[in-house]
Amino acid sequence: MALYRHVSDAGDLHDAVLAELCESLPAGPDSIDDLLRWAHAFRAWLLGVPGLPRLVLIRWFELPGVLDVVEALLGVFNRLGRERFELVAAANSLFSYVLSRAELEEAVRASGLQRSLPWGKGDAPRPLLSSLRDEYAVARLDEHFDFGLQLLLSGLFGQAAETR
């Protein structure tokens, strides 16, 4: 009950904690060259507090610090020549990639599940999954994040170069 001397309800407490967490939010990227640094820093920030990825996913549009990050992403892709729909799609692609990977990684780390799916048995043969079973046996979260990030950025930059 001592907390409720400072806040009126659980919603206010959540807002206060989230506002405090946003104080340590990494600054948005300044340039194309800064996107990798930002993506790694944002991912680390999200994974630093259990439940934060989901909370940001749900409330990002209410958080001034996160909106500043989105504005910075828009600025970087605008300088790359993106406009309107493509500008929003490019910024959202990177922002949502990092955010959704953090949510996925948090779930994988917290679950402790062993992957025991019927990889190639039953009605639906899955030859690729079966042949790659060892790749799925160990979650290589950092490596998969980096590979996906590089792939996403090269696609966004490659498409920008083609449309100029």
N, C-alpha and C. Protein backbone atom coordinates (compact mmCIF):
# COMPACT_ATOMS: atom_id res chain seq x y z
N MET A 1 0.81 -1.21 0.00
CA MET A 1 0.00 0.00 0.00
C MET A 1 0.85 1.27 0.00
N ALA A 2 2.10 1.17 0.42
CA ALA A 2 2.95 2.35 0.48
C ALA A 2 3.14 2.97 -0.90
N LEU A 3 3.15 2.16 -1.94
CA LEU A 3 3.28 2.69 -3.30
C LEU A 3 2.12 3.60 -3.68
N TYR A 4 0.95 3.28 -3.21
CA TYR A 4 -0.23 4.04 -3.61
C TYR A 4 -0.32 5.41 -2.93
N ARG A 5 0.66 5.73 -2.09
CA ARG A 5 0.77 7.10 -1.60
C ARG A 5 1.38 7.99 -2.69
N HIS A 6 2.09 7.33 -3.65
CA HIS A 6 2.78 8.06 -4.71
C HIS A 6 2.07 7.99 -6.05
N VAL A 7 1.29 6.93 -6.25
CA VAL A 7 0.54 6.75 -7.50
C VAL A 7 -0.89 6.37 -7.16
N SER A 8 -1.81 6.69 -8.06
CA SER A 8 -3.22 6.43 -7.75
C SER A 8 -3.64 4.99 -8.03
N ASP A 9 -2.99 4.34 -9.01
CA ASP A 9 -3.37 2.95 -9.33
C ASP A 9 -2.24 2.26 -10.08
N ALA A 10 -2.46 1.01 -10.43
CA ALA A 10 -1.43 0.22 -11.11
C ALA A 10 -1.07 0.83 -12.47
N GLY A 11 -2.05 1.42 -13.14
CA GLY A 11 -1.78 2.06 -14.43
C GLY A 11 -0.79 3.20 -14.29
N ASP A 12 -0.97 4.01 -13.26
CA ASP A 12 -0.03 5.11 -13.01
C ASP A 12 1.35 4.59 -12.66
N LEU A 13 1.40 3.48 -11.92
CA LEU A 13 2.68 2.88 -11.58
C LEU A 13 3.39 2.38 -12.83
N HIS A 14 2.66 1.69 -13.71
CA HIS A 14 3.24 1.24 -14.99
C HIS A 14 3.77 2.43 -15.79
N ASP A 15 2.99 3.49 -15.86
CA ASP A 15 3.42 4.68 -16.61
C ASP A 15 4.69 5.28 -16.02
N ALA A 16 4.77 5.35 -14.69
CA ALA A 16 5.95 5.92 -14.04
C ALA A 16 7.19 5.06 -14.29
N VAL A 17 7.03 3.75 -14.20
CA VAL A 17 8.16 2.85 -14.45
C VAL A 17 8.60 2.95 -15.91
N LEU A 18 7.64 2.96 -16.81
CA LEU A 18 7.97 3.06 -18.23
C LEU A 18 8.65 4.39 -18.55
N ALA A 19 8.17 5.46 -17.96
CA ALA A 19 8.81 6.78 -18.17
C ALA A 19 10.25 6.76 -17.66
N GLU A 20 10.47 6.12 -16.52
CA GLU A 20 11.82 6.01 -15.97
C GLU A 20 12.72 5.18 -16.89
N LEU A 21 12.19 4.07 -17.41
CA LEU A 21 12.96 3.23 -18.33
C LEU A 21 13.30 3.98 -19.61
N CYS A 22 12.37 4.78 -20.10
CA CYS A 22 12.61 5.52 -21.34
C CYS A 22 13.72 6.55 -21.20
N GLU A 23 14.05 6.92 -19.97
CA GLU A 23 15.16 7.85 -19.75
C GLU A 23 16.48 7.24 -20.21
N SER A 24 16.57 5.89 -20.19
CA SER A 24 17.81 5.22 -20.59
C SER A 24 17.75 4.67 -22.01
N LEU A 25 16.71 5.04 -22.74
CA LEU A 25 16.54 4.60 -24.13
C LEU A 25 17.70 5.11 -24.98
N PRO A 26 18.34 4.23 -25.74
CA PRO A 26 19.43 4.71 -26.60
C PRO A 26 18.93 5.72 -27.62
N ALA A 27 19.76 6.69 -27.90
CA ALA A 27 19.39 7.71 -28.89
C ALA A 27 19.19 7.06 -30.25
N GLY A 28 18.32 7.65 -31.02
CA GLY A 28 18.07 7.17 -32.37
C GLY A 28 19.29 7.37 -33.25
N PRO A 29 19.31 6.71 -34.40
CA PRO A 29 20.47 6.84 -35.30
C PRO A 29 20.53 8.21 -35.95
N ASP A 30 21.75 8.67 -36.20
CA ASP A 30 21.96 9.97 -36.85
C ASP A 30 22.17 9.83 -38.36
N SER A 31 22.61 8.63 -38.77
CA SER A 31 22.96 8.44 -40.17
C SER A 31 22.82 6.97 -40.54
N ILE A 32 22.99 6.70 -41.81
CA ILE A 32 22.96 5.32 -42.29
C ILE A 32 24.04 4.51 -41.58
N ASP A 33 25.20 5.10 -41.39
CA ASP A 33 26.31 4.41 -40.75
C ASP A 33 26.03 4.10 -39.28
N ASP A 34 25.05 4.76 -38.70
CA ASP A 34 24.72 4.62 -37.29
C ASP A 34 23.61 3.59 -37.04
N LEU A 35 23.03 3.03 -38.09
CA LEU A 35 21.89 2.12 -37.93
C LEU A 35 22.26 0.84 -37.18
N LEU A 36 23.41 0.27 -37.47
CA LEU A 36 23.82 -0.96 -36.77
C LEU A 36 24.02 -0.70 -35.28
N ARG A 37 24.71 0.39 -34.96
CA ARG A 37 24.91 0.73 -33.54
C ARG A 37 23.57 0.87 -32.85
N TRP A 38 22.67 1.64 -33.47
CA TRP A 38 21.37 1.85 -32.87
C TRP A 38 20.61 0.54 -32.69
N ALA A 39 20.58 -0.31 -33.70
CA ALA A 39 19.82 -1.56 -33.62
C ALA A 39 20.33 -2.43 -32.47
N HIS A 40 21.64 -2.53 -32.32
CA HIS A 40 22.20 -3.33 -31.22
C HIS A 40 21.91 -2.69 -29.86
N ALA A 41 22.01 -1.38 -29.77
CA ALA A 41 21.74 -0.70 -28.50
C ALA A 41 20.26 -0.80 -28.13
N PHE A 42 19.39 -0.64 -29.10
CA PHE A 42 17.94 -0.73 -28.85
C PHE A 42 17.57 -2.14 -28.41
N ARG A 43 18.12 -3.15 -29.08
CA ARG A 43 17.87 -4.55 -28.70
C ARG A 43 18.35 -4.81 -27.27
N ALA A 44 19.54 -4.36 -26.94
CA ALA A 44 20.07 -4.56 -25.59
C ALA A 44 19.18 -3.86 -24.56
N TRP A 45 18.73 -2.67 -24.87
CA TRP A 45 17.85 -1.94 -23.96
C TRP A 45 16.55 -2.70 -23.75
N LEU A 46 15.96 -3.20 -24.83
CA LEU A 46 14.71 -3.95 -24.72
C LEU A 46 14.88 -5.22 -23.89
N LEU A 47 16.00 -5.91 -24.10
CA LEU A 47 16.23 -7.18 -23.40
C LEU A 47 16.72 -6.98 -21.97
N GLY A 48 17.03 -5.75 -21.60
CA GLY A 48 17.54 -5.46 -20.26
C GLY A 48 16.50 -5.55 -19.16
N VAL A 49 15.24 -5.50 -19.52
CA VAL A 49 14.16 -5.53 -18.52
C VAL A 49 13.12 -6.55 -18.97
N PRO A 50 12.88 -7.59 -18.19
CA PRO A 50 11.87 -8.58 -18.58
C PRO A 50 10.51 -7.91 -18.83
N GLY A 51 9.91 -8.26 -19.94
CA GLY A 51 8.59 -7.73 -20.29
C GLY A 51 8.62 -6.43 -21.06
N LEU A 52 9.79 -5.79 -21.14
CA LEU A 52 9.87 -4.50 -21.83
C LEU A 52 9.57 -4.59 -23.32
N PRO A 53 10.06 -5.62 -24.03
CA PRO A 53 9.73 -5.67 -25.46
C PRO A 53 8.22 -5.67 -25.72
N ARG A 54 7.47 -6.45 -24.97
CA ARG A 54 6.03 -6.50 -25.17
C ARG A 54 5.38 -5.16 -24.83
N LEU A 55 5.82 -4.54 -23.75
CA LEU A 55 5.25 -3.26 -23.34
C LEU A 55 5.51 -2.19 -24.39
N VAL A 56 6.72 -2.15 -24.93
CA VAL A 56 7.03 -1.17 -25.98
C VAL A 56 6.24 -1.48 -27.24
N LEU A 57 6.11 -2.76 -27.56
CA LEU A 57 5.31 -3.16 -28.72
C LEU A 57 3.88 -2.64 -28.62
N ILE A 58 3.33 -2.71 -27.44
CA ILE A 58 1.94 -2.31 -27.22
C ILE A 58 1.79 -0.79 -27.14
N ARG A 59 2.80 -0.10 -26.57
CA ARG A 59 2.61 1.31 -26.24
C ARG A 59 3.60 2.27 -26.89
N TRP A 60 4.34 1.82 -27.91
CA TRP A 60 5.40 2.65 -28.48
C TRP A 60 4.91 4.02 -28.92
N PHE A 61 3.70 4.10 -29.43
CA PHE A 61 3.16 5.35 -29.97
C PHE A 61 2.73 6.33 -28.89
N GLU A 62 2.84 5.93 -27.61
CA GLU A 62 2.51 6.81 -26.49
C GLU A 62 3.76 7.31 -25.78
N LEU A 63 4.91 6.83 -26.18
CA LEU A 63 6.14 7.10 -25.44
C LEU A 63 7.00 8.11 -26.19
N PRO A 64 7.15 9.33 -25.65
CA PRO A 64 7.91 10.37 -26.35
C PRO A 64 9.31 9.93 -26.76
N GLY A 65 10.03 9.22 -25.89
CA GLY A 65 11.38 8.78 -26.23
C GLY A 65 11.40 7.82 -27.40
N VAL A 66 10.43 6.92 -27.45
CA VAL A 66 10.36 5.97 -28.57
C VAL A 66 9.93 6.70 -29.84
N LEU A 67 9.04 7.66 -29.70
CA LEU A 67 8.65 8.46 -30.87
C LEU A 67 9.84 9.25 -31.42
N ASP A 68 10.74 9.68 -30.53
CA ASP A 68 11.96 10.36 -30.99
C ASP A 68 12.84 9.40 -31.80
N VAL A 69 12.90 8.14 -31.38
CA VAL A 69 13.66 7.13 -32.11
C VAL A 69 13.05 6.91 -33.49
N VAL A 70 11.73 6.80 -33.54
CA VAL A 70 11.05 6.61 -34.83
C VAL A 70 11.30 7.82 -35.73
N GLU A 71 11.26 9.00 -35.16
CA GLU A 71 11.56 10.21 -35.93
C GLU A 71 12.98 10.17 -36.49
N ALA A 72 13.92 9.70 -35.68
CA ALA A 72 15.32 9.59 -36.15
C ALA A 72 15.42 8.57 -37.29
N LEU A 73 14.74 7.43 -37.17
CA LEU A 73 14.74 6.44 -38.25
C LEU A 73 14.15 7.03 -39.53
N LEU A 74 13.04 7.75 -39.38
CA LEU A 74 12.43 8.40 -40.55
C LEU A 74 13.42 9.37 -41.19
N GLY A 75 14.15 10.11 -40.37
CA GLY A 75 15.13 11.06 -40.90
C GLY A 75 16.23 10.37 -41.69
N VAL A 76 16.72 9.25 -41.18
CA VAL A 76 17.78 8.52 -41.88
C VAL A 76 17.27 8.03 -43.23
N PHE A 77 16.10 7.41 -43.24
CA PHE A 77 15.59 6.88 -44.51
C PHE A 77 15.11 7.98 -45.45
N ASN A 78 14.73 9.13 -44.91
CA ASN A 78 14.39 10.27 -45.75
C ASN A 78 15.63 10.78 -46.49
N ARG A 79 16.75 10.83 -45.78
CA ARG A 79 18.00 11.25 -46.42
C ARG A 79 18.47 10.23 -47.45
N LEU A 80 17.99 9.02 -47.36
CA LEU A 80 18.32 7.97 -48.32
C LEU A 80 17.44 8.09 -49.58
N GLY A 81 16.48 9.00 -49.54
CA GLY A 81 15.65 9.24 -50.71
C GLY A 81 14.25 8.64 -50.62
N ARG A 82 13.90 8.10 -49.49
CA ARG A 82 12.56 7.53 -49.32
C ARG A 82 11.55 8.66 -49.07
N GLU A 83 10.34 8.42 -49.54
CA GLU A 83 9.26 9.39 -49.32
C GLU A 83 7.98 8.66 -48.97
N ARG A 84 7.13 9.31 -48.25
CA ARG A 84 5.77 8.86 -47.91
C ARG A 84 5.70 7.38 -47.53
N PHE A 85 5.00 6.58 -48.31
CA PHE A 85 4.79 5.17 -47.97
C PHE A 85 6.12 4.44 -47.77
N GLU A 86 7.05 4.60 -48.72
CA GLU A 86 8.33 3.90 -48.62
C GLU A 86 9.13 4.35 -47.40
N LEU A 87 9.02 5.61 -47.06
CA LEU A 87 9.71 6.15 -45.89
C LEU A 87 9.20 5.48 -44.63
N VAL A 88 7.89 5.44 -44.47
CA VAL A 88 7.29 4.81 -43.29
C VAL A 88 7.59 3.31 -43.27
N ALA A 89 7.47 2.66 -44.43
CA ALA A 89 7.71 1.22 -44.49
C ALA A 89 9.16 0.88 -44.13
N ALA A 90 10.12 1.67 -44.61
CA ALA A 90 11.53 1.40 -44.32
C ALA A 90 11.81 1.57 -42.83
N ALA A 91 11.36 2.68 -42.25
CA ALA A 91 11.58 2.91 -40.81
C ALA A 91 10.88 1.84 -39.98
N ASN A 92 9.64 1.52 -40.34
CA ASN A 92 8.90 0.49 -39.60
C ASN A 92 9.56 -0.87 -39.73
N SER A 93 10.13 -1.18 -40.89
CA SER A 93 10.78 -2.48 -41.08
C SER A 93 11.91 -2.66 -40.08
N LEU A 94 12.75 -1.67 -39.96
CA LEU A 94 13.89 -1.79 -39.05
C LEU A 94 13.43 -1.76 -37.59
N PHE A 95 12.57 -0.81 -37.26
CA PHE A 95 12.07 -0.69 -35.88
C PHE A 95 11.37 -1.97 -35.45
N SER A 96 10.48 -2.47 -36.28
CA SER A 96 9.71 -3.67 -35.91
C SER A 96 10.58 -4.92 -35.92
N TYR A 97 11.61 -4.97 -36.78
CA TYR A 97 12.52 -6.12 -36.76
C TYR A 97 13.20 -6.23 -35.40
N VAL A 98 13.79 -5.13 -34.94
CA VAL A 98 14.51 -5.16 -33.67
C VAL A 98 13.54 -5.45 -32.52
N LEU A 99 12.40 -4.81 -32.54
CA LEU A 99 11.41 -5.00 -31.48
C LEU A 99 10.87 -6.43 -31.44
N SER A 100 10.52 -6.97 -32.58
CA SER A 100 9.96 -8.32 -32.60
C SER A 100 11.03 -9.37 -32.29
N ARG A 101 12.27 -9.16 -32.73
CA ARG A 101 13.35 -10.09 -32.38
C ARG A 101 13.57 -10.09 -30.88
N ALA A 102 13.53 -8.92 -30.25
CA ALA A 102 13.71 -8.86 -28.80
C ALA A 102 12.58 -9.62 -28.09
N GLU A 103 11.36 -9.45 -28.57
CA GLU A 103 10.24 -10.18 -27.96
C GLU A 103 10.41 -11.69 -28.15
N LEU A 104 10.79 -12.10 -29.34
CA LEU A 104 11.03 -13.52 -29.61
C LEU A 104 12.15 -14.07 -28.73
N GLU A 105 13.25 -13.35 -28.65
CA GLU A 105 14.39 -13.81 -27.86
C GLU A 105 14.03 -13.93 -26.39
N GLU A 106 13.29 -12.97 -25.88
CA GLU A 106 12.87 -13.03 -24.49
C GLU A 106 12.01 -14.27 -24.25
N ALA A 107 11.11 -14.55 -25.16
CA ALA A 107 10.24 -15.73 -25.02
C ALA A 107 11.05 -17.02 -25.09
N VAL A 108 12.00 -17.09 -26.02
CA VAL A 108 12.83 -18.29 -26.15
C VAL A 108 13.66 -18.51 -24.90
N ARG A 109 14.28 -17.46 -24.42
CA ARG A 109 15.13 -17.59 -23.23
C ARG A 109 14.32 -17.96 -21.99
N ALA A 110 13.12 -17.42 -21.88
CA ALA A 110 12.29 -17.67 -20.69
C ALA A 110 11.63 -19.04 -20.72
N SER A 111 11.40 -19.58 -21.89
CA SER A 111 10.61 -20.81 -22.00
C SER A 111 11.36 -22.05 -21.55
N GLY A 112 12.63 -22.14 -21.89
CA GLY A 112 13.38 -23.33 -21.56
C GLY A 112 12.87 -24.57 -22.28
N LEU A 113 12.07 -24.39 -23.31
CA LEU A 113 11.49 -25.52 -24.03
C LEU A 113 12.53 -26.26 -24.84
N GLN A 114 12.35 -27.54 -24.90
CA GLN A 114 13.14 -28.36 -25.80
C GLN A 114 12.34 -28.52 -27.08
N ARG A 115 12.98 -28.38 -28.19
CA ARG A 115 12.28 -28.51 -29.47
C ARG A 115 12.14 -29.99 -29.81
N SER A 116 10.94 -30.51 -29.68
CA SER A 116 10.72 -31.93 -29.95
C SER A 116 9.57 -32.11 -30.94
N LEU A 117 9.54 -31.26 -31.94
CA LEU A 117 8.49 -31.36 -32.95
C LEU A 117 8.73 -32.54 -33.87
N PRO A 118 7.69 -33.05 -34.47
CA PRO A 118 7.86 -34.12 -35.46
C PRO A 118 8.37 -33.54 -36.77
N TRP A 119 9.65 -33.27 -36.84
CA TRP A 119 10.26 -32.53 -37.94
C TRP A 119 9.96 -33.09 -39.31
N GLY A 120 9.90 -34.37 -39.46
CA GLY A 120 9.67 -34.94 -40.78
C GLY A 120 8.76 -36.14 -40.73
N LYS A 121 8.01 -36.27 -39.67
CA LYS A 121 7.15 -37.43 -39.51
C LYS A 121 5.70 -37.04 -39.78
N GLY A 122 4.87 -38.04 -39.93
CA GLY A 122 3.44 -37.78 -40.07
C GLY A 122 3.05 -37.49 -41.49
N ASP A 123 1.94 -36.78 -41.62
CA ASP A 123 1.34 -36.52 -42.93
C ASP A 123 2.15 -35.55 -43.79
N ALA A 124 2.84 -34.63 -43.16
CA ALA A 124 3.53 -33.59 -43.92
C ALA A 124 5.05 -33.76 -43.81
N PRO A 125 5.68 -34.32 -44.81
CA PRO A 125 7.15 -34.41 -44.76
C PRO A 125 7.75 -33.01 -44.81
N ARG A 126 8.77 -32.82 -44.06
CA ARG A 126 9.44 -31.52 -43.99
C ARG A 126 10.93 -31.72 -44.23
N PRO A 127 11.30 -31.94 -45.48
CA PRO A 127 12.70 -32.31 -45.76
C PRO A 127 13.70 -31.23 -45.36
N LEU A 128 13.37 -29.96 -45.56
CA LEU A 128 14.33 -28.91 -45.20
C LEU A 128 14.46 -28.79 -43.68
N LEU A 129 13.33 -28.80 -42.98
CA LEU A 129 13.40 -28.75 -41.52
C LEU A 129 14.17 -29.95 -40.98
N SER A 130 13.91 -31.11 -41.52
CA SER A 130 14.61 -32.31 -41.06
C SER A 130 16.11 -32.21 -41.30
N SER A 131 16.50 -31.72 -42.46
CA SER A 131 17.92 -31.63 -42.78
C SER A 131 18.62 -30.53 -41.96
N LEU A 132 17.86 -29.56 -41.46
CA LEU A 132 18.43 -28.45 -40.69
C LEU A 132 18.17 -28.58 -39.20
N ARG A 133 17.78 -29.75 -38.76
CA ARG A 133 17.43 -29.98 -37.36
C ARG A 133 18.50 -29.48 -36.40
N ASP A 134 19.78 -29.73 -36.72
CA ASP A 134 20.86 -29.31 -35.83
C ASP A 134 20.92 -27.78 -35.70
N GLU A 135 20.56 -27.07 -36.77
CA GLU A 135 20.56 -25.61 -36.71
C GLU A 135 19.48 -25.09 -35.76
N TYR A 136 18.39 -25.85 -35.63
CA TYR A 136 17.30 -25.45 -34.75
C TYR A 136 17.49 -25.94 -33.32
N ALA A 137 18.38 -26.88 -33.12
CA ALA A 137 18.56 -27.48 -31.79
C ALA A 137 19.11 -26.48 -30.79
N VAL A 138 19.89 -25.54 -31.26
CA VAL A 138 20.48 -24.53 -30.39
C VAL A 138 20.04 -23.16 -30.90
N ALA A 139 19.49 -22.38 -30.02
CA ALA A 139 19.06 -21.03 -30.41
C ALA A 139 20.30 -20.14 -30.50
N ARG A 140 20.65 -19.75 -31.70
CA ARG A 140 21.80 -18.87 -31.93
C ARG A 140 21.26 -17.45 -32.12
N LEU A 141 20.69 -16.92 -31.06
CA LEU A 141 19.93 -15.68 -31.14
C LEU A 141 20.76 -14.49 -31.62
N ASP A 142 21.96 -14.34 -31.09
CA ASP A 142 22.79 -13.20 -31.50
C ASP A 142 23.17 -13.29 -32.97
N GLU A 143 23.59 -14.47 -33.39
CA GLU A 143 23.99 -14.65 -34.78
C GLU A 143 22.81 -14.46 -35.73
N HIS A 144 21.66 -15.00 -35.36
CA HIS A 144 20.48 -14.85 -36.21
C HIS A 144 20.03 -13.39 -36.28
N PHE A 145 20.11 -12.69 -35.15
CA PHE A 145 19.77 -11.26 -35.14
C PHE A 145 20.68 -10.50 -36.09
N ASP A 146 21.99 -10.71 -35.96
CA ASP A 146 22.94 -9.99 -36.81
C ASP A 146 22.75 -10.31 -38.29
N PHE A 147 22.55 -11.58 -38.61
CA PHE A 147 22.36 -11.96 -40.00
C PHE A 147 21.09 -11.33 -40.56
N GLY A 148 20.00 -11.41 -39.82
CA GLY A 148 18.74 -10.82 -40.28
C GLY A 148 18.84 -9.32 -40.42
N LEU A 149 19.54 -8.68 -39.49
CA LEU A 149 19.71 -7.23 -39.55
C LEU A 149 20.50 -6.83 -40.80
N GLN A 150 21.59 -7.54 -41.06
CA GLN A 150 22.39 -7.25 -42.26
C GLN A 150 21.58 -7.47 -43.53
N LEU A 151 20.81 -8.54 -43.55
CA LEU A 151 19.97 -8.86 -44.71
C LEU A 151 18.91 -7.78 -44.92
N LEU A 152 18.26 -7.37 -43.85
CA LEU A 152 17.25 -6.32 -43.93
C LEU A 152 17.85 -5.01 -44.43
N LEU A 153 18.96 -4.60 -43.83
CA LEU A 153 19.57 -3.33 -44.22
C LEU A 153 20.08 -3.38 -45.66
N SER A 154 20.68 -4.48 -46.06
CA SER A 154 21.17 -4.54 -47.44
C SER A 154 20.01 -4.49 -48.42
N GLY A 155 18.88 -5.08 -48.06
CA GLY A 155 17.70 -4.99 -48.92
C GLY A 155 17.15 -3.57 -48.97
N LEU A 156 17.11 -2.91 -47.83
CA LEU A 156 16.60 -1.53 -47.81
C LEU A 156 17.54 -0.59 -48.57
N PHE A 157 18.85 -0.77 -48.42
CA PHE A 157 19.80 0.09 -49.12
C PHE A 157 19.85 -0.24 -50.59
N GLY A 158 19.80 -1.53 -50.92
CA GLY A 158 19.83 -1.95 -52.32
C GLY A 158 18.64 -1.43 -53.08
N GLN A 159 17.48 -1.49 -52.47
CA GLN A 159 16.27 -1.00 -53.12
C GLN A 159 16.33 0.51 -53.28
N ALA A 160 16.91 1.18 -52.29
CA ALA A 160 17.02 2.64 -52.38
C ALA A 160 17.92 3.03 -53.54
N ALA A 161 19.01 2.29 -53.72
CA ALA A 161 19.93 2.60 -54.81
C ALA A 161 19.26 2.35 -56.16
N GLU A 162 18.43 1.32 -56.25
CA GLU A 162 17.76 0.99 -57.50
C GLU A 162 16.69 2.01 -57.89
N THR A 163 16.06 2.64 -56.90
CA THR A 163 14.96 3.56 -57.19
C THR A 163 15.43 4.98 -57.45
N ARG A 164 16.68 5.27 -57.26
CA ARG A 164 17.19 6.62 -57.50
C ARG A 164 17.39 6.88 -58.96
